[in-house]
Amino acid sequence: MPARVSIDPSRFQRLLSAVGGPGERLLQRKAERVAALARRYAAPHGSMADGIVVGPYQDKRIEVISTHPATQFVHDGTPRHLIRPRRSGGVLRFEVGGRVVFAKVVNHPGYRGDPFLTNALRDAG
């Protein structure tokens, strides 16, 4: 004899939306997995991994957030661009091969990007 299961949509919705309920706990665990992977994938980018946090559960969703100010540039990449000093008449100072170099302008070749947040979401399954 076949078994039948009937799901009452309103009760199912209450189950998912209950604060501290199974729906919230499931999303919290998933978000923590995504954040852990994102921290691991962001490790080559210096302190970027330190700013990856899991946001609060609200409106039946939870966010994994990177608070590092350069996240968008690292994640999405940048096109070729000129870098100029902030102050008029100033110079840029940086190191190349252990030598200190000064320049009035630098032609940055761009950066392809490393979508570590997207990859973490995909790999967390």
PDB file of N, CA and C in Angstrom:
ATOM      1  N   MET A   1       0.835  -1.175   0.000  1.00  0.00           N
ATOM      2  CA  MET A   1       0.000   0.000   0.000  1.00  0.00           C
ATOM      3  C   MET A   1       0.889   1.250   0.000  1.00  0.00           C
ATOM      4  N   PRO A   2       0.678   2.173  -0.929  1.00  0.00           N
ATOM      5  CA  PRO A   2       1.529   3.366  -1.003  1.00  0.00           C
ATOM      6  C   PRO A   2       1.276   4.313   0.172  1.00  0.00           C
ATOM      7  N   ALA A   3       2.345   4.937   0.616  1.00  0.00           N
ATOM      8  CA  ALA A   3       2.234   5.931   1.694  1.00  0.00           C
ATOM      9  C   ALA A   3       1.997   7.298   1.069  1.00  0.00           C
ATOM     10  N   ARG A   4       1.207   8.095   1.713  1.00  0.00           N
ATOM     11  CA  ARG A   4       0.936   9.447   1.231  1.00  0.00           C
ATOM     12  C   ARG A   4       1.359  10.450   2.295  1.00  0.00           C
ATOM     13  N   VAL A   5       1.938  11.529   1.813  1.00  0.00           N
ATOM     14  CA  VAL A   5       2.345  12.606   2.707  1.00  0.00           C
ATOM     15  C   VAL A   5       1.666  13.872   2.225  1.00  0.00           C
ATOM     16  N   SER A   6       1.051  14.554   3.133  1.00  0.00           N
ATOM     17  CA  SER A   6       0.386  15.805   2.805  1.00  0.00           C
ATOM     18  C   SER A   6       1.067  16.927   3.589  1.00  0.00           C
ATOM     19  N   ILE A   7       1.436  17.988   2.891  1.00  0.00           N
ATOM     20  CA  ILE A   7       2.119  19.109   3.546  1.00  0.00           C
ATOM     21  C   ILE A   7       1.186  20.316   3.542  1.00  0.00           C
ATOM     22  N   ASP A   8       0.917  20.809   4.718  1.00  0.00           N
ATOM     23  CA  ASP A   8       0.113  22.014   4.860  1.00  0.00           C
ATOM     24  C   ASP A   8       1.062  23.204   4.621  1.00  0.00           C
ATOM     25  N   PRO A   9       0.895  23.972   3.526  1.00  0.00           N
ATOM     26  CA  PRO A   9       1.824  25.058   3.200  1.00  0.00           C
ATOM     27  C   PRO A   9       1.999  26.086   4.319  1.00  0.00           C
ATOM     28  N   SER A  10       0.930  26.423   5.030  1.00  0.00           N
ATOM     29  CA  SER A  10       1.061  27.437   6.074  1.00  0.00           C
ATOM     30  C   SER A  10       1.903  26.914   7.244  1.00  0.00           C
ATOM     31  N   ARG A  11       1.732  25.653   7.590  1.00  0.00           N
ATOM     32  CA  ARG A  11       2.537  25.072   8.676  1.00  0.00           C
ATOM     33  C   ARG A  11       3.993  24.913   8.250  1.00  0.00           C
ATOM     34  N   PHE A  12       4.204  24.538   7.000  1.00  0.00           N
ATOM     35  CA  PHE A  12       5.566  24.401   6.480  1.00  0.00           C
ATOM     36  C   PHE A  12       6.270  25.762   6.502  1.00  0.00           C
ATOM     37  N   GLN A  13       5.567  26.795   6.111  1.00  0.00           N
ATOM     38  CA  GLN A  13       6.124  28.150   6.108  1.00  0.00           C
ATOM     39  C   GLN A  13       6.484  28.577   7.529  1.00  0.00           C
ATOM     40  N   ARG A  14       5.615  28.280   8.504  1.00  0.00           N
ATOM     41  CA  ARG A  14       5.910  28.617   9.905  1.00  0.00           C
ATOM     42  C   ARG A  14       7.152  27.876  10.387  1.00  0.00           C
ATOM     43  N   LEU A  15       7.315  26.638   9.953  1.00  0.00           N
ATOM     44  CA  LEU A  15       8.468  25.838  10.330  1.00  0.00           C
ATOM     45  C   LEU A  15       9.755  26.489   9.835  1.00  0.00           C
ATOM     46  N   LEU A  16       9.736  26.958   8.594  1.00  0.00           N
ATOM     47  CA  LEU A  16      10.919  27.583   8.009  1.00  0.00           C
ATOM     48  C   LEU A  16      11.194  28.963   8.582  1.00  0.00           C
ATOM     49  N   SER A  17      10.155  29.706   8.919  1.00  0.00           N
ATOM     50  CA  SER A  17      10.353  31.090   9.334  1.00  0.00           C
ATOM     51  C   SER A  17      10.451  31.270  10.836  1.00  0.00           C
ATOM     52  N   ALA A  18      10.288  30.224  11.618  1.00  0.00           N
ATOM     53  CA  ALA A  18      10.359  30.357  13.071  1.00  0.00           C
ATOM     54  C   ALA A  18      11.764  30.765  13.491  1.00  0.00           C
ATOM     55  N   VAL A  19      11.864  31.820  14.290  1.00  0.00           N
ATOM     56  CA  VAL A  19      13.162  32.274  14.779  1.00  0.00           C
ATOM     57  C   VAL A  19      13.744  31.172  15.649  1.00  0.00           C
ATOM     58  N   GLY A  20      14.955  30.767  15.321  1.00  0.00           N
ATOM     59  CA  GLY A  20      15.605  29.684  16.043  1.00  0.00           C
ATOM     60  C   GLY A  20      15.133  28.308  15.615  1.00  0.00           C
ATOM     61  N   GLY A  21      14.243  28.258  14.628  1.00  0.00           N
ATOM     62  CA  GLY A  21      13.685  26.988  14.168  1.00  0.00           C
ATOM     63  C   GLY A  21      14.620  26.270  13.210  1.00  0.00           C
ATOM     64  N   PRO A  22      14.165  25.139  12.674  1.00  0.00           N
ATOM     65  CA  PRO A  22      15.014  24.331  11.794  1.00  0.00           C
ATOM     66  C   PRO A  22      15.430  25.049  10.520  1.00  0.00           C
ATOM     67  N   GLY A  23      14.563  25.893   9.973  1.00  0.00           N
ATOM     68  CA  GLY A  23      14.926  26.630   8.757  1.00  0.00           C
ATOM     69  C   GLY A  23      16.076  27.584   9.006  1.00  0.00           C
ATOM     70  N   GLU A  24      16.006  28.309  10.100  1.00  0.00           N
ATOM     71  CA  GLU A  24      17.081  29.236  10.450  1.00  0.00           C
ATOM     72  C   GLU A  24      18.372  28.478  10.734  1.00  0.00           C
ATOM     73  N   ARG A  25      18.275  27.381  11.468  1.00  0.00           N
ATOM     74  CA  ARG A  25      19.477  26.601  11.789  1.00  0.00           C
ATOM     75  C   ARG A  25      20.130  26.037  10.532  1.00  0.00           C
ATOM     76  N   LEU A  26      19.323  25.580   9.593  1.00  0.00           N
ATOM     77  CA  LEU A  26      19.841  25.056   8.330  1.00  0.00           C
ATOM     78  C   LEU A  26      20.590  26.141   7.555  1.00  0.00           C
ATOM     79  N   LEU A  27      19.977  27.309   7.444  1.00  0.00           N
ATOM     80  CA  LEU A  27      20.635  28.416   6.736  1.00  0.00           C
ATOM     81  C   LEU A  27      21.897  28.869   7.461  1.00  0.00           C
ATOM     82  N   GLN A  28      21.857  28.877   8.787  1.00  0.00           N
ATOM     83  CA  GLN A  28      23.028  29.292   9.567  1.00  0.00           C
ATOM     84  C   GLN A  28      24.199  28.341   9.312  1.00  0.00           C
ATOM     85  N   ARG A  29      23.930  27.028   9.331  1.00  0.00           N
ATOM     86  CA  ARG A  29      24.999  26.049   9.073  1.00  0.00           C
ATOM     87  C   ARG A  29      25.566  26.213   7.666  1.00  0.00           C
ATOM     88  N   LYS A  30      24.693  26.402   6.690  1.00  0.00           N
ATOM     89  CA  LYS A  30      25.132  26.583   5.299  1.00  0.00           C
ATOM     90  C   LYS A  30      25.982  27.849   5.179  1.00  0.00           C
ATOM     91  N   ALA A  31      25.529  28.934   5.792  1.00  0.00           N
ATOM     92  CA  ALA A  31      26.277  30.195   5.728  1.00  0.00           C
ATOM     93  C   ALA A  31      27.644  30.049   6.387  1.00  0.00           C
ATOM     94  N   GLU A  32      27.731  29.336   7.487  1.00  0.00           N
ATOM     95  CA  GLU A  32      29.020  29.118   8.162  1.00  0.00           C
ATOM     96  C   GLU A  32      29.961  28.307   7.267  1.00  0.00           C
ATOM     97  N   ARG A  33      29.423  27.312   6.542  1.00  0.00           N
ATOM     98  CA  ARG A  33      30.251  26.525   5.606  1.00  0.00           C
ATOM     99  C   ARG A  33      30.772  27.414   4.487  1.00  0.00           C
ATOM    100  N   VAL A  34      29.894  28.249   3.935  1.00  0.00           N
ATOM    101  CA  VAL A  34      30.301  29.159   2.856  1.00  0.00           C
ATOM    102  C   VAL A  34      31.368  30.123   3.367  1.00  0.00           C
ATOM    103  N   ALA A  35      31.172  30.686   4.552  1.00  0.00           N
ATOM    104  CA  ALA A  35      32.135  31.638   5.113  1.00  0.00           C
ATOM    105  C   ALA A  35      33.497  30.980   5.359  1.00  0.00           C
ATOM    106  N   ALA A  36      33.492  29.751   5.870  1.00  0.00           N
ATOM    107  CA  ALA A  36      34.753  29.048   6.120  1.00  0.00           C
ATOM    108  C   ALA A  36      35.517  28.818   4.814  1.00  0.00           C
ATOM    109  N   LEU A  37      34.810  28.397   3.777  1.00  0.00           N
ATOM    110  CA  LEU A  37      35.458  28.209   2.466  1.00  0.00           C
ATOM    111  C   LEU A  37      35.951  29.544   1.909  1.00  0.00           C
ATOM    112  N   ALA A  38      35.139  30.582   2.034  1.00  0.00           N
ATOM    113  CA  ALA A  38      35.528  31.900   1.520  1.00  0.00           C
ATOM    114  C   ALA A  38      36.792  32.397   2.226  1.00  0.00           C
ATOM    115  N   ARG A  39      36.887  32.172   3.532  1.00  0.00           N
ATOM    116  CA  ARG A  39      38.096  32.575   4.268  1.00  0.00           C
ATOM    117  C   ARG A  39      39.314  31.818   3.735  1.00  0.00           C
ATOM    118  N   ARG A  40      39.134  30.525   3.481  1.00  0.00           N
ATOM    119  CA  ARG A  40      40.245  29.722   2.956  1.00  0.00           C
ATOM    120  C   ARG A  40      40.651  30.197   1.564  1.00  0.00           C
ATOM    121  N   TYR A  41      39.655  30.471   0.712  1.00  0.00           N
ATOM    122  CA  TYR A  41      39.948  30.918  -0.652  1.00  0.00           C
ATOM    123  C   TYR A  41      40.530  32.336  -0.681  1.00  0.00           C
ATOM    124  N   ALA A  42      40.202  33.173   0.306  1.00  0.00           N
ATOM    125  CA  ALA A  42      40.695  34.553   0.348  1.00  0.00           C
ATOM    126  C   ALA A  42      42.063  34.661   1.010  1.00  0.00           C
ATOM    127  N   ALA A  43      42.547  33.584   1.617  1.00  0.00           N
ATOM    128  CA  ALA A  43      43.816  33.613   2.349  1.00  0.00           C
ATOM    129  C   ALA A  43      44.985  34.185   1.541  1.00  0.00           C
ATOM    130  N   PRO A  44      45.125  33.887   0.236  1.00  0.00           N
ATOM    131  CA  PRO A  44      46.255  34.449  -0.512  1.00  0.00           C
ATOM    132  C   PRO A  44      46.187  35.974  -0.666  1.00  0.00           C
ATOM    133  N   HIS A  45      45.075  36.588  -0.307  1.00  0.00           N
ATOM    134  CA  HIS A  45      44.898  38.027  -0.489  1.00  0.00           C
ATOM    135  C   HIS A  45      45.116  38.795   0.813  1.00  0.00           C
ATOM    136  N   GLY A  46      46.032  38.345   1.633  1.00  0.00           N
ATOM    137  CA  GLY A  46      46.392  39.057   2.856  1.00  0.00           C
ATOM    138  C   GLY A  46      45.299  39.008   3.908  1.00  0.00           C
ATOM    139  N   SER A  47      44.934  40.183   4.411  1.00  0.00           N
ATOM    140  CA  SER A  47      43.980  40.264   5.523  1.00  0.00           C
ATOM    141  C   SER A  47      42.513  40.168   5.086  1.00  0.00           C
ATOM    142  N   MET A  48      42.271  39.939   3.808  1.00  0.00           N
ATOM    143  CA  MET A  48      40.893  39.884   3.313  1.00  0.00           C
ATOM    144  C   MET A  48      40.064  38.816   4.033  1.00  0.00           C
ATOM    145  N   ALA A  49      40.659  37.683   4.341  1.00  0.00           N
ATOM    146  CA  ALA A  49      39.926  36.596   5.001  1.00  0.00           C
ATOM    147  C   ALA A  49      39.423  37.000   6.382  1.00  0.00           C
ATOM    148  N   ASP A  50      40.124  37.897   7.057  1.00  0.00           N
ATOM    149  CA  ASP A  50      39.727  38.317   8.408  1.00  0.00           C
ATOM    150  C   ASP A  50      38.388  39.049   8.421  1.00  0.00           C
ATOM    151  N   GLY A  51      38.012  39.642   7.294  1.00  0.00           N
ATOM    152  CA  GLY A  51      36.783  40.423   7.240  1.00  0.00           C
ATOM    153  C   GLY A  51      35.570  39.668   6.748  1.00  0.00           C
ATOM    154  N   ILE A  52      35.659  38.358   6.602  1.00  0.00           N
ATOM    155  CA  ILE A  52      34.509  37.579   6.114  1.00  0.00           C
ATOM    156  C   ILE A  52      33.684  37.131   7.312  1.00  0.00           C
ATOM    157  N   VAL A  53      32.426  37.591   7.342  1.00  0.00           N
ATOM    158  CA  VAL A  53      31.543  37.317   8.478  1.00  0.00           C
ATOM    159  C   VAL A  53      30.187  36.828   7.981  1.00  0.00           C
ATOM    160  N   VAL A  54      29.456  36.184   8.874  1.00  0.00           N
ATOM    161  CA  VAL A  54      28.095  35.735   8.579  1.00  0.00           C
ATOM    162  C   VAL A  54      27.149  36.747   9.209  1.00  0.00           C
ATOM    163  N   GLY A  55      26.259  37.298   8.389  1.00  0.00           N
ATOM    164  CA  GLY A  55      25.308  38.286   8.873  1.00  0.00           C
ATOM    165  C   GLY A  55      24.183  37.655   9.662  1.00  0.00           C
ATOM    166  N   PRO A  56      23.337  38.476  10.252  1.00  0.00           N
ATOM    167  CA  PRO A  56      22.211  37.937  11.032  1.00  0.00           C
ATOM    168  C   PRO A  56      21.122  37.353  10.131  1.00  0.00           C
ATOM    169  N   TYR A  57      20.380  36.436  10.671  1.00  0.00           N
ATOM    170  CA  TYR A  57      19.240  35.830   9.971  1.00  0.00           C
ATOM    171  C   TYR A  57      18.078  36.801  10.048  1.00  0.00           C
ATOM    172  N   GLN A  58      17.586  37.243   8.907  1.00  0.00           N
ATOM    173  CA  GLN A  58      16.401  38.086   8.887  1.00  0.00           C
ATOM    174  C   GLN A  58      15.702  37.953   7.545  1.00  0.00           C
ATOM    175  N   ASP A  59      14.395  38.070   7.576  1.00  0.00           N
ATOM    176  CA  ASP A  59      13.569  37.934   6.370  1.00  0.00           C
ATOM    177  C   ASP A  59      13.834  36.613   5.649  1.00  0.00           C
ATOM    178  N   LYS A  60      14.016  35.541   6.410  1.00  0.00           N
ATOM    179  CA  LYS A  60      14.231  34.191   5.873  1.00  0.00           C
ATOM    180  C   LYS A  60      15.487  34.090   5.012  1.00  0.00           C
ATOM    181  N   ARG A  61      16.494  34.899   5.324  1.00  0.00           N
ATOM    182  CA  ARG A  61      17.754  34.817   4.583  1.00  0.00           C
ATOM    183  C   ARG A  61      18.906  35.186   5.509  1.00  0.00           C
ATOM    184  N   ILE A  62      20.098  34.824   5.072  1.00  0.00           N
ATOM    185  CA  ILE A  62      21.313  35.141   5.821  1.00  0.00           C
ATOM    186  C   ILE A  62      22.389  35.451   4.791  1.00  0.00           C
ATOM    187  N   GLU A  63      23.290  36.361   5.114  1.00  0.00           N
ATOM    188  CA  GLU A  63      24.312  36.784   4.158  1.00  0.00           C
ATOM    189  C   GLU A  63      25.704  36.452   4.674  1.00  0.00           C
ATOM    190  N   VAL A  64      26.591  36.145   3.734  1.00  0.00           N
ATOM    191  CA  VAL A  64      28.012  36.035   4.026  1.00  0.00           C
ATOM    192  C   VAL A  64      28.623  37.306   3.455  1.00  0.00           C
ATOM    193  N   ILE A  65      29.292  38.080   4.303  1.00  0.00           N
ATOM    194  CA  ILE A  65      29.741  39.425   3.945  1.00  0.00           C
ATOM    195  C   ILE A  65      31.251  39.519   4.071  1.00  0.00           C
ATOM    196  N   SER A  66      31.875  40.196   3.121  1.00  0.00           N
ATOM    197  CA  SER A  66      33.292  40.528   3.231  1.00  0.00           C
ATOM    198  C   SER A  66      33.384  42.024   3.488  1.00  0.00           C
ATOM    199  N   THR A  67      33.957  42.399   4.626  1.00  0.00           N
ATOM    200  CA  THR A  67      34.019  43.805   5.021  1.00  0.00           C
ATOM    201  C   THR A  67      35.304  44.503   4.578  1.00  0.00           C
ATOM    202  N   HIS A  68      36.212  43.785   3.968  1.00  0.00           N
ATOM    203  CA  HIS A  68      37.479  44.384   3.535  1.00  0.00           C
ATOM    204  C   HIS A  68      37.205  45.407   2.430  1.00  0.00           C
ATOM    205  N   PRO A  69      37.818  46.587   2.483  1.00  0.00           N
ATOM    206  CA  PRO A  69      37.513  47.626   1.490  1.00  0.00           C
ATOM    207  C   PRO A  69      37.910  47.288   0.047  1.00  0.00           C
ATOM    208  N   ALA A  70      38.816  46.348  -0.145  1.00  0.00           N
ATOM    209  CA  ALA A  70      39.252  46.013  -1.504  1.00  0.00           C
ATOM    210  C   ALA A  70      38.551  44.775  -2.061  1.00  0.00           C
ATOM    211  N   THR A  71      37.550  44.272  -1.372  1.00  0.00           N
ATOM    212  CA  THR A  71      36.893  43.027  -1.786  1.00  0.00           C
ATOM    213  C   THR A  71      36.399  43.071  -3.225  1.00  0.00           C
ATOM    214  N   GLN A  72      35.710  44.132  -3.594  1.00  0.00           N
ATOM    215  CA  GLN A  72      35.137  44.185  -4.941  1.00  0.00           C
ATOM    216  C   GLN A  72      36.227  44.152  -6.005  1.00  0.00           C
ATOM    217  N   PHE A  73      37.348  44.831  -5.771  1.00  0.00           N
ATOM    218  CA  PHE A  73      38.433  44.847  -6.753  1.00  0.00           C
ATOM    219  C   PHE A  73      39.066  43.464  -6.895  1.00  0.00           C
ATOM    220  N   VAL A  74      39.272  42.778  -5.773  1.00  0.00           N
ATOM    221  CA  VAL A  74      39.869  41.436  -5.806  1.00  0.00           C
ATOM    222  C   VAL A  74      38.882  40.438  -6.397  1.00  0.00           C
ATOM    223  N   HIS A  75      37.625  40.504  -5.964  1.00  0.00           N
ATOM    224  CA  HIS A  75      36.618  39.534  -6.400  1.00  0.00           C
ATOM    225  C   HIS A  75      36.283  39.695  -7.881  1.00  0.00           C
ATOM    226  N   ASP A  76      36.020  40.914  -8.320  1.00  0.00           N
ATOM    227  CA  ASP A  76      35.567  41.164  -9.694  1.00  0.00           C
ATOM    228  C   ASP A  76      36.679  41.520 -10.669  1.00  0.00           C
ATOM    229  N   GLY A  77      37.853  41.886 -10.144  1.00  0.00           N
ATOM    230  CA  GLY A  77      38.954  42.304 -11.009  1.00  0.00           C
ATOM    231  C   GLY A  77      38.847  43.772 -11.370  1.00  0.00           C
ATOM    232  N   THR A  78      39.857  44.243 -12.085  1.00  0.00           N
ATOM    233  CA  THR A  78      39.887  45.641 -12.516  1.00  0.00           C
ATOM    234  C   THR A  78      40.393  45.716 -13.952  1.00  0.00           C
ATOM    235  N   PRO A  79      39.957  46.710 -14.716  1.00  0.00           N
ATOM    236  CA  PRO A  79      40.504  46.899 -16.052  1.00  0.00           C
ATOM    237  C   PRO A  79      41.865  47.603 -15.963  1.00  0.00           C
ATOM    238  N   ARG A  80      42.527  47.724 -17.088  1.00  0.00           N
ATOM    239  CA  ARG A  80      43.770  48.504 -17.133  1.00  0.00           C
ATOM    240  C   ARG A  80      43.442  49.930 -16.712  1.00  0.00           C
ATOM    241  N   HIS A  81      44.350  50.547 -15.960  1.00  0.00           N
ATOM    242  CA  HIS A  81      44.104  51.923 -15.525  1.00  0.00           C
ATOM    243  C   HIS A  81      45.400  52.592 -15.079  1.00  0.00           C
ATOM    244  N   LEU A  82      45.361  53.916 -15.074  1.00  0.00           N
ATOM    245  CA  LEU A  82      46.497  54.701 -14.595  1.00  0.00           C
ATOM    246  C   LEU A  82      46.334  54.931 -13.102  1.00  0.00           C
ATOM    247  N   ILE A  83      47.452  54.903 -12.389  1.00  0.00           N
ATOM    248  CA  ILE A  83      47.464  55.238 -10.972  1.00  0.00           C
ATOM    249  C   ILE A  83      48.286  56.503 -10.826  1.00  0.00           C
ATOM    250  N   ARG A  84      47.686  57.505 -10.224  1.00  0.00           N
ATOM    251  CA  ARG A  84      48.352  58.798 -10.026  1.00  0.00           C
ATOM    252  C   ARG A  84      48.408  59.108  -8.534  1.00  0.00           C
ATOM    253  N   PRO A  85      49.336  59.971  -8.132  1.00  0.00           N
ATOM    254  CA  PRO A  85      49.410  60.369  -6.721  1.00  0.00           C
ATOM    255  C   PRO A  85      48.136  61.093  -6.295  1.00  0.00           C
ATOM    256  N   ARG A  86      47.801  61.000  -5.029  1.00  0.00           N
ATOM    257  CA  ARG A  86      46.599  61.676  -4.514  1.00  0.00           C
ATOM    258  C   ARG A  86      46.759  63.184  -4.515  1.00  0.00           C
ATOM    259  N   ARG A  87      47.962  63.640  -4.162  1.00  0.00           N
ATOM    260  CA  ARG A  87      48.200  65.086  -4.102  1.00  0.00           C
ATOM    261  C   ARG A  87      48.830  65.585  -5.397  1.00  0.00           C
ATOM    262  N   SER A  88      48.424  66.739  -5.833  1.00  0.00           N
ATOM    263  CA  SER A  88      49.002  67.354  -7.030  1.00  0.00           C
ATOM    264  C   SER A  88      50.495  67.571  -6.814  1.00  0.00           C
ATOM    265  N   GLY A  89      51.295  67.166  -7.765  1.00  0.00           N
ATOM    266  CA  GLY A  89      52.745  67.311  -7.654  1.00  0.00           C
ATOM    267  C   GLY A  89      53.395  66.216  -6.828  1.00  0.00           C
ATOM    268  N   GLY A  90      52.629  65.314  -6.287  1.00  0.00           N
ATOM    269  CA  GLY A  90      53.171  64.233  -5.476  1.00  0.00           C
ATOM    270  C   GLY A  90      53.740  63.109  -6.330  1.00  0.00           C
ATOM    271  N   VAL A  91      54.310  62.126  -5.663  1.00  0.00           N
ATOM    272  CA  VAL A  91      54.860  60.963  -6.363  1.00  0.00           C
ATOM    273  C   VAL A  91      54.356  59.683  -5.698  1.00  0.00           C
ATOM    274  N   LEU A  92      54.391  58.622  -6.463  1.00  0.00           N
ATOM    275  CA  LEU A  92      54.058  57.295  -5.951  1.00  0.00           C
ATOM    276  C   LEU A  92      55.348  56.635  -5.474  1.00  0.00           C
ATOM    277  N   ARG A  93      55.279  55.910  -4.374  1.00  0.00           N
ATOM    278  CA  ARG A  93      56.439  55.194  -3.852  1.00  0.00           C
ATOM    279  C   ARG A  93      56.043  53.738  -3.652  1.00  0.00           C
ATOM    280  N   PHE A  94      56.830  52.816  -4.200  1.00  0.00           N
ATOM    281  CA  PHE A  94      56.553  51.396  -4.050  1.00  0.00           C
ATOM    282  C   PHE A  94      57.839  50.624  -4.247  1.00  0.00           C
ATOM    283  N   GLU A  95      57.790  49.321  -3.989  1.00  0.00           N
ATOM    284  CA  GLU A  95      58.969  48.474  -4.131  1.00  0.00           C
ATOM    285  C   GLU A  95      58.820  47.534  -5.315  1.00  0.00           C
ATOM    286  N   VAL A  96      59.905  47.370  -6.051  1.00  0.00           N
ATOM    287  CA  VAL A  96      59.959  46.421  -7.163  1.00  0.00           C
ATOM    288  C   VAL A  96      61.251  45.634  -7.002  1.00  0.00           C
ATOM    289  N   GLY A  97      61.129  44.341  -6.789  1.00  0.00           N
ATOM    290  CA  GLY A  97      62.312  43.494  -6.637  1.00  0.00           C
ATOM    291  C   GLY A  97      63.205  43.918  -5.485  1.00  0.00           C
ATOM    292  N   GLY A  98      62.622  44.432  -4.408  1.00  0.00           N
ATOM    293  CA  GLY A  98      63.401  44.839  -3.244  1.00  0.00           C
ATOM    294  C   GLY A  98      63.941  46.255  -3.319  1.00  0.00           C
ATOM    295  N   ARG A  99      63.770  46.919  -4.456  1.00  0.00           N
ATOM    296  CA  ARG A  99      64.231  48.310  -4.620  1.00  0.00           C
ATOM    297  C   ARG A  99      63.069  49.268  -4.465  1.00  0.00           C
ATOM    298  N   VAL A 100      63.299  50.400  -3.825  1.00  0.00           N
ATOM    299  CA  VAL A 100      62.282  51.441  -3.702  1.00  0.00           C
ATOM    300  C   VAL A 100      62.281  52.253  -4.991  1.00  0.00           C
ATOM    301  N   VAL A 101      61.072  52.425  -5.555  1.00  0.00           N
ATOM    302  CA  VAL A 101      60.917  53.138  -6.829  1.00  0.00           C
ATOM    303  C   VAL A 101      59.941  54.291  -6.626  1.00  0.00           C
ATOM    304  N   PHE A 102      60.225  55.422  -7.287  1.00  0.00           N
ATOM    305  CA  PHE A 102      59.329  56.577  -7.262  1.00  0.00           C
ATOM    306  C   PHE A 102      58.845  56.833  -8.677  1.00  0.00           C
ATOM    307  N   ALA A 103      57.584  57.201  -8.822  1.00  0.00           N
ATOM    308  CA  ALA A 103      57.043  57.491 -10.156  1.00  0.00           C
ATOM    309  C   ALA A 103      55.912  58.509 -10.035  1.00  0.00           C
ATOM    310  N   LYS A 104      55.714  59.278 -11.100  1.00  0.00           N
ATOM    311  CA  LYS A 104      54.607  60.254 -11.122  1.00  0.00           C
ATOM    312  C   LYS A 104      53.306  59.591 -11.559  1.00  0.00           C
ATOM    313  N   VAL A 105      53.404  58.518 -12.341  1.00  0.00           N
ATOM    314  CA  VAL A 105      52.220  57.787 -12.798  1.00  0.00           C
ATOM    315  C   VAL A 105      52.623  56.337 -13.069  1.00  0.00           C
ATOM    316  N   VAL A 106      51.689  55.422 -12.856  1.00  0.00           N
ATOM    317  CA  VAL A 106      51.941  54.006 -13.123  1.00  0.00           C
ATOM    318  C   VAL A 106      50.806  53.491 -13.996  1.00  0.00           C
ATOM    319  N   ASN A 107      51.152  52.735 -15.037  1.00  0.00           N
ATOM    320  CA  ASN A 107      50.155  52.123 -15.905  1.00  0.00           C
ATOM    321  C   ASN A 107      49.880  50.712 -15.371  1.00  0.00           C
ATOM    322  N   HIS A 108      48.807  50.572 -14.604  1.00  0.00           N
ATOM    323  CA  HIS A 108      48.466  49.275 -14.006  1.00  0.00           C
ATOM    324  C   HIS A 108      47.872  48.372 -15.091  1.00  0.00           C
ATOM    325  N   PRO A 109      48.344  47.122 -15.209  1.00  0.00           N
ATOM    326  CA  PRO A 109      47.859  46.239 -16.278  1.00  0.00           C
ATOM    327  C   PRO A 109      46.461  45.667 -16.040  1.00  0.00           C
ATOM    328  N   GLY A 110      45.896  45.899 -14.870  1.00  0.00           N
ATOM    329  CA  GLY A 110      44.588  45.320 -14.553  1.00  0.00           C
ATOM    330  C   GLY A 110      44.760  44.011 -13.810  1.00  0.00           C
ATOM    331  N   TYR A 111      43.634  43.494 -13.327  1.00  0.00           N
ATOM    332  CA  TYR A 111      43.654  42.257 -12.553  1.00  0.00           C
ATOM    333  C   TYR A 111      42.436  41.436 -12.952  1.00  0.00           C
ATOM    334  N   ARG A 112      42.646  40.183 -13.277  1.00  0.00           N
ATOM    335  CA  ARG A 112      41.566  39.314 -13.758  1.00  0.00           C
ATOM    336  C   ARG A 112      40.483  39.092 -12.705  1.00  0.00           C
ATOM    337  N   GLY A 113      40.855  39.067 -11.454  1.00  0.00           N
ATOM    338  CA  GLY A 113      39.893  38.855 -10.376  1.00  0.00           C
ATOM    339  C   GLY A 113      39.934  37.429  -9.864  1.00  0.00           C
ATOM    340  N   ASP A 114      39.490  37.271  -8.641  1.00  0.00           N
ATOM    341  CA  ASP A 114      39.413  35.970  -7.994  1.00  0.00           C
ATOM    342  C   ASP A 114      38.060  35.916  -7.286  1.00  0.00           C
ATOM    343  N   PRO A 115      37.047  35.341  -7.906  1.00  0.00           N
ATOM    344  CA  PRO A 115      35.699  35.327  -7.315  1.00  0.00           C
ATOM    345  C   PRO A 115      35.581  34.334  -6.155  1.00  0.00           C
ATOM    346  N   PHE A 116      36.341  34.579  -5.075  1.00  0.00           N
ATOM    347  CA  PHE A 116      36.402  33.633  -3.963  1.00  0.00           C
ATOM    348  C   PHE A 116      35.061  33.464  -3.250  1.00  0.00           C
ATOM    349  N   LEU A 117      34.236  34.496  -3.185  1.00  0.00           N
ATOM    350  CA  LEU A 117      32.923  34.363  -2.541  1.00  0.00           C
ATOM    351  C   LEU A 117      31.994  33.503  -3.380  1.00  0.00           C
ATOM    352  N   THR A 118      31.973  33.741  -4.682  1.00  0.00           N
ATOM    353  CA  THR A 118      31.143  32.946  -5.588  1.00  0.00           C
ATOM    354  C   THR A 118      31.593  31.484  -5.581  1.00  0.00           C
ATOM    355  N   ASN A 119      32.905  31.283  -5.602  1.00  0.00           N
ATOM    356  CA  ASN A 119      33.437  29.917  -5.586  1.00  0.00           C
ATOM    357  C   ASN A 119      33.089  29.197  -4.282  1.00  0.00           C
ATOM    358  N   ALA A 120      33.143  29.918  -3.162  1.00  0.00           N
ATOM    359  CA  ALA A 120      32.800  29.312  -1.866  1.00  0.00           C
ATOM    360  C   ALA A 120      31.338  28.908  -1.839  1.00  0.00           C
ATOM    361  N   LEU A 121      30.458  29.749  -2.376  1.00  0.00           N
ATOM    362  CA  LEU A 121      29.041  29.417  -2.417  1.00  0.00           C
ATOM    363  C   LEU A 121      28.795  28.173  -3.275  1.00  0.00           C
ATOM    364  N   ARG A 122      29.473  28.122  -4.419  1.00  0.00           N
ATOM    365  CA  ARG A 122      29.336  26.959  -5.305  1.00  0.00           C
ATOM    366  C   ARG A 122      29.859  25.684  -4.655  1.00  0.00           C
ATOM    367  N   ASP A 123      31.005  25.761  -4.011  1.00  0.00           N
ATOM    368  CA  ASP A 123      31.669  24.574  -3.464  1.00  0.00           C
ATOM    369  C   ASP A 123      31.066  24.103  -2.143  1.00  0.00           C
ATOM    370  N   ALA A 124      30.323  24.965  -1.458  1.00  0.00           N
ATOM    371  CA  ALA A 124      29.727  24.567  -0.174  1.00  0.00           C
ATOM    372  C   ALA A 124      28.605  23.569  -0.366  1.00  0.00           C
ATOM    373  N   GLY A 125      28.126  23.470  -1.624  1.00  0.00           N
ATOM    374  CA  GLY A 125      27.105  22.476  -1.958  1.00  0.00           C
ATOM    375  C   GLY A 125      25.840  22.761  -1.336  1.00  0.00           C
TER     376      GLY A 125
END
